[in-house]
C-alpha atoms as a PDB file:
ATOM      1  CA  MET A   1     -11.812   5.083  -6.519  1.00  0.00           C
ATOM      2  CA  ILE A   2      -9.907   1.771  -7.288  1.00  0.00           C
ATOM      3  CA  LYS A   3     -11.695   0.091  -4.776  1.00  0.00           C
ATOM      4  CA  LEU A   4     -15.055   1.170  -5.874  1.00  0.00           C
ATOM      5  CA  THR A   5     -14.130   0.057  -9.427  1.00  0.00           C
ATOM      6  CA  MET A   6     -12.887  -3.498  -8.356  1.00  0.00           C
ATOM      7  CA  ASP A   7     -16.237  -3.811  -6.154  1.00  0.00           C
ATOM      8  CA  ALA A   8     -17.857  -3.516  -9.458  1.00  0.00           C
ATOM      9  CA  VAL A   9     -15.812  -5.607 -11.459  1.00  0.00           C
ATOM     10  CA  CYS A  10     -16.242  -8.312  -8.600  1.00  0.00           C
ATOM     11  CA  ILE A  11     -19.814  -8.228  -8.867  1.00  0.00           C
ATOM     12  CA  LEU A  12     -19.848  -8.688 -12.409  1.00  0.00           C
ATOM     13  CA  MET A  13     -17.702 -11.418 -12.090  1.00  0.00           C
ATOM     14  CA  ALA A  14     -19.708 -13.113  -9.622  1.00  0.00           C
ATOM     15  CA  GLN A  15     -17.371 -13.051  -6.683  1.00  0.00           C
ATOM     16  CA  LYS A  16     -18.916 -13.915  -3.282  1.00  0.00           C
ATOM     17  CA  GLY A  17     -17.290 -11.154  -1.294  1.00  0.00           C
ATOM     18  CA  LYS A  18     -17.434 -11.133   2.573  1.00  0.00           C
ATOM     19  CA  LYS A  19     -20.358 -10.083   4.573  1.00  0.00           C
ATOM     20  CA  VAL A  20     -18.941  -7.214   7.081  1.00  0.00           C
ATOM     21  CA  GLU A  21     -22.300  -6.104   8.504  1.00  0.00           C
ATOM     22  CA  LYS A  22     -26.133  -6.406   7.371  1.00  0.00           C
ATOM     23  CA  GLY A  23     -26.435  -5.175   3.669  1.00  0.00           C
ATOM     24  CA  VAL A  24     -22.554  -4.513   3.361  1.00  0.00           C
ATOM     25  CA  ILE A  25     -20.446  -6.904   1.327  1.00  0.00           C
ATOM     26  CA  GLU A  26     -16.737  -6.469   1.208  1.00  0.00           C
ATOM     27  CA  TYR A  27     -14.953  -7.275  -2.103  1.00  0.00           C
ATOM     28  CA  TRP A  28     -11.525  -6.185  -1.387  1.00  0.00           C
ATOM     29  CA  ASP A  29     -10.235  -9.687  -0.679  1.00  0.00           C
ATOM     30  CA  ASP A  30     -11.637 -11.033  -4.005  1.00  0.00           C
ATOM     31  CA  ALA A  31     -10.269  -7.961  -5.887  1.00  0.00           C
ATOM     32  CA  ARG A  32      -6.753  -8.490  -4.560  1.00  0.00           C
ATOM     33  CA  LYS A  33      -6.937 -12.083  -5.740  1.00  0.00           C
ATOM     34  CA  LEU A  34      -8.022 -11.082  -9.282  1.00  0.00           C
ATOM     35  CA  LEU A  35      -5.404  -8.545  -9.438  1.00  0.00           C
ATOM     36  CA  SER A  36      -2.594 -11.098  -8.201  1.00  0.00           C
ATOM     37  CA  ASP A  37      -2.506 -12.405 -11.679  1.00  0.00           C
ATOM     38  CA  PRO A  38      -2.495  -9.500 -14.019  1.00  0.00           C
ATOM     39  CA  ASN A  39      -2.513 -11.344 -17.243  1.00  0.00           C
ATOM     40  CA  GLY A  40      -5.076 -13.778 -16.079  1.00  0.00           C
ATOM     41  CA  PHE A  41      -7.131 -10.886 -15.099  1.00  0.00           C
ATOM     42  CA  ILE A  42      -6.811  -8.982 -18.207  1.00  0.00           C
ATOM     43  CA  LYS A  43      -7.726 -12.250 -20.105  1.00  0.00           C
ATOM     44  CA  LYS A  44     -10.920 -12.612 -17.907  1.00  0.00           C
ATOM     45  CA  LEU A  45     -11.992  -9.070 -18.933  1.00  0.00           C
ATOM     46  CA  GLU A  46     -11.384  -9.555 -22.456  1.00  0.00           C
ATOM     47  CA  LYS A  47     -13.587 -13.006 -22.521  1.00  0.00           C
ATOM     48  CA  TYR A  48     -16.390 -11.363 -20.303  1.00  0.00           C
ATOM     49  CA  ASP A  49     -19.584 -12.341 -21.703  1.00  0.00           C
ATOM     50  CA  LYS A  50     -21.411  -8.739 -21.649  1.00  0.00           C
ATOM     51  CA  ASP A  51     -24.489 -10.175 -23.554  1.00  0.00           C
ATOM     52  CA  ASN A  52     -25.375 -12.803 -21.233  1.00  0.00           C
ATOM     53  CA  ILE A  53     -25.010 -11.353 -17.589  1.00  0.00           C
ATOM     54  CA  SER A  54     -27.428 -13.267 -15.028  1.00  0.00           C
ATOM     55  CA  GLU A  55     -30.613 -11.403 -13.626  1.00  0.00           C
ATOM     56  CA  ASN A  56     -28.757 -12.211 -10.070  1.00  0.00           C
ATOM     57  CA  ILE A  57     -25.574 -10.126 -11.164  1.00  0.00           C
ATOM     58  CA  ILE A  58     -27.976  -7.280 -12.637  1.00  0.00           C
ATOM     59  CA  LEU A  59     -29.744  -7.001  -9.456  1.00  0.00           C
ATOM     60  CA  LYS A  60     -26.696  -6.770  -7.397  1.00  0.00           C
ATOM     61  CA  MET A  61     -25.328  -4.194  -9.931  1.00  0.00           C
ATOM     62  CA  LYS A  62     -28.569  -2.254  -9.553  1.00  0.00           C
ATOM     63  CA  ASP A  63     -28.234  -2.211  -5.583  1.00  0.00           C
ATOM     64  CA  PHE A  64     -24.503  -1.116  -6.025  1.00  0.00           C
ATOM     65  CA  LEU A  65     -25.251   1.629  -8.291  1.00  0.00           C
ATOM     66  CA  GLU A  66     -28.065   2.926  -6.136  1.00  0.00           C
ATOM     67  CA  LYS A  67     -25.714   3.189  -3.198  1.00  0.00           C
ATOM     68  CA  ASN A  68     -22.754   4.361  -5.072  1.00  0.00           C
ATOM     69  CA  GLY A  69     -24.124   5.977  -8.292  1.00  0.00           C
ATOM     70  CA  LYS A  70     -23.191   9.591  -7.265  1.00  0.00           C
ATOM     71  CA  LYS A  71     -19.403   8.396  -6.842  1.00  0.00           C
ATOM     72  CA  PHE A  72     -19.223   5.761  -9.568  1.00  0.00           C
ATOM     73  CA  THR A  73     -19.252   8.366 -12.535  1.00  0.00           C
ATOM     74  CA  PRO A  74     -16.552   8.601 -15.342  1.00  0.00           C
ATOM     75  CA  GLN A  75     -15.242  11.759 -14.332  1.00  0.00           C
ATOM     76  CA  ASN A  76     -14.476  10.105 -10.680  1.00  0.00           C
ATOM     77  CA  ILE A  77     -13.182   6.904 -12.036  1.00  0.00           C
END
């Protein structure tokens, strides 16, 4: 569940990720970079502008949720 959550965080923070196959983007390297500086990561989360998310990121999140929505629930996370 940590990887799934960090995939969502990376999408919201506009990380590029790495294409591993058609239609599949891997965010684990980006997530590790974000988490390598815990204080910086927390500050980025606190300063995240949730009211101005780009249309591109919204579309990526919709796609992510369509693929992972059944696993990505508060009970599971």
